[in-house]
Every structure is written in structure tokens, then in C-alpha cells.
Amino acid sequence: MHLFETKEGDKWVCITCRDEQAETIEQNLWEWIFEKHDQTLRCSICGHPDYEIED
């Protein structure tokens, strides 16, 4: 999960949305802060984690 600083506040973005929304992220000048691997985090765009863990 990637953390971005935006005009509306900090937002977590999953790996998939980061790739799909790269142009929008660049245009809106979102600043990448850091990456964290944590299944409890949810993407601010799609609402899902980076990946699902099979039980």
C-alpha cells in the first residue's frame, strides 16, 4: 500500500489503483510518502487491500 500526500489529506492507494491511476496521481501532484505492507490498510480509491490472503 502506498501513502500519498494530497490536497485533501493523506491517502492510502493499493498497488493496482496506483498503476491504473498513475496519470491522475501525477496530474493532481500527489506526493508519494512511503510504502507499507499491512493487510489491515484499505485503498482510498477501491476500498480493498493490496492482495487477499487465502485461509
C-alpha atoms as a PDB file:
ATOM      1  CA  MET A   1       0.000   0.000   0.000  1.00  0.00           C
ATOM      2  CA  HIS A   2       1.327   3.423  -0.964  1.00  0.00           C
ATOM      3  CA  LEU A   3       0.737   6.526   1.146  1.00  0.00           C
ATOM      4  CA  PHE A   4       0.297   9.773  -0.785  1.00  0.00           C
ATOM      5  CA  GLU A   5       0.012  13.332   0.471  1.00  0.00           C
ATOM      6  CA  THR A   6      -2.839  15.076  -1.365  1.00  0.00           C
ATOM      7  CA  LYS A   7      -4.607  18.426  -1.167  1.00  0.00           C
ATOM      8  CA  GLU A   8      -7.483  16.637   0.635  1.00  0.00           C
ATOM      9  CA  GLY A   9      -5.156  14.890   3.103  1.00  0.00           C
ATOM     10  CA  ASP A  10      -3.113  11.688   3.155  1.00  0.00           C
ATOM     11  CA  LYS A  11      -4.491   8.730   1.184  1.00  0.00           C
ATOM     12  CA  TRP A  12      -3.564   5.053   1.036  1.00  0.00           C
ATOM     13  CA  VAL A  13      -3.582   3.656  -2.505  1.00  0.00           C
ATOM     14  CA  CYS A  14      -3.248  -0.044  -3.369  1.00  0.00           C
ATOM     15  CA  ILE A  15      -0.755  -1.394  -5.902  1.00  0.00           C
ATOM     16  CA  THR A  16      -3.455  -1.947  -8.554  1.00  0.00           C
ATOM     17  CA  CYS A  17      -5.010   1.522  -8.268  1.00  0.00           C
ATOM     18  CA  ARG A  18      -1.543   3.090  -8.189  1.00  0.00           C
ATOM     19  CA  ASP A  19      -0.853   1.621 -11.636  1.00  0.00           C
ATOM     20  CA  GLU A  20      -4.334   2.315 -13.017  1.00  0.00           C
ATOM     21  CA  GLN A  21      -4.494   5.894 -11.696  1.00  0.00           C
ATOM     22  CA  ALA A  22      -0.845   6.877 -12.311  1.00  0.00           C
ATOM     23  CA  GLU A  23      -1.779   9.669 -14.739  1.00  0.00           C
ATOM     24  CA  THR A  24      -4.384  11.147 -12.374  1.00  0.00           C
ATOM     25  CA  ILE A  25      -1.974  10.945  -9.427  1.00  0.00           C
ATOM     26  CA  GLU A  26       0.667  12.801 -11.461  1.00  0.00           C
ATOM     27  CA  GLN A  27      -1.767  15.452 -12.706  1.00  0.00           C
ATOM     28  CA  ASN A  28      -3.034  16.169  -9.192  1.00  0.00           C
ATOM     29  CA  LEU A  29       0.548  16.364  -7.879  1.00  0.00           C
ATOM     30  CA  TRP A  30       0.074  13.704  -5.193  1.00  0.00           C
ATOM     31  CA  GLU A  31       3.357  13.313  -3.319  1.00  0.00           C
ATOM     32  CA  TRP A  32       4.433   9.737  -2.543  1.00  0.00           C
ATOM     33  CA  ILE A  33       5.444   9.427   1.123  1.00  0.00           C
ATOM     34  CA  PHE A  34       6.213   5.717   1.663  1.00  0.00           C
ATOM     35  CA  GLU A  35       5.033   2.144   1.139  1.00  0.00           C
ATOM     36  CA  LYS A  36       3.764  -0.198   3.850  1.00  0.00           C
ATOM     37  CA  HIS A  37       2.805  -3.868   3.670  1.00  0.00           C
ATOM     38  CA  ASP A  38      -0.174  -4.195   6.002  1.00  0.00           C
ATOM     39  CA  GLN A  39      -3.339  -6.184   5.221  1.00  0.00           C
ATOM     40  CA  THR A  40      -5.443  -4.007   7.554  1.00  0.00           C
ATOM     41  CA  LEU A  41      -4.949  -0.940   5.316  1.00  0.00           C
ATOM     42  CA  ARG A  42      -7.603  -0.255   2.688  1.00  0.00           C
ATOM     43  CA  CYS A  43      -7.257   1.692  -0.549  1.00  0.00           C
ATOM     44  CA  SER A  44      -8.946   5.112  -0.573  1.00  0.00           C
ATOM     45  CA  ILE A  45      -9.931   4.548  -4.231  1.00  0.00           C
ATOM     46  CA  CYS A  46     -11.279   0.964  -4.385  1.00  0.00           C
ATOM     47  CA  GLY A  47     -11.576   0.069  -0.683  1.00  0.00           C
ATOM     48  CA  HIS A  48      -9.593  -3.171  -0.976  1.00  0.00           C
ATOM     49  CA  PRO A  49      -6.222  -4.279   0.472  1.00  0.00           C
ATOM     50  CA  ASP A  50      -3.173  -4.802  -1.780  1.00  0.00           C
ATOM     51  CA  TYR A  51      -3.947  -8.504  -2.019  1.00  0.00           C
ATOM     52  CA  GLU A  52      -6.165 -11.090  -0.353  1.00  0.00           C
ATOM     53  CA  ILE A  53      -4.656 -13.756   1.908  1.00  0.00           C
ATOM     54  CA  GLU A  54      -6.128 -17.210   1.385  1.00  0.00           C
ATOM     55  CA  ASP A  55      -7.083 -19.036   4.610  1.00  0.00           C
END
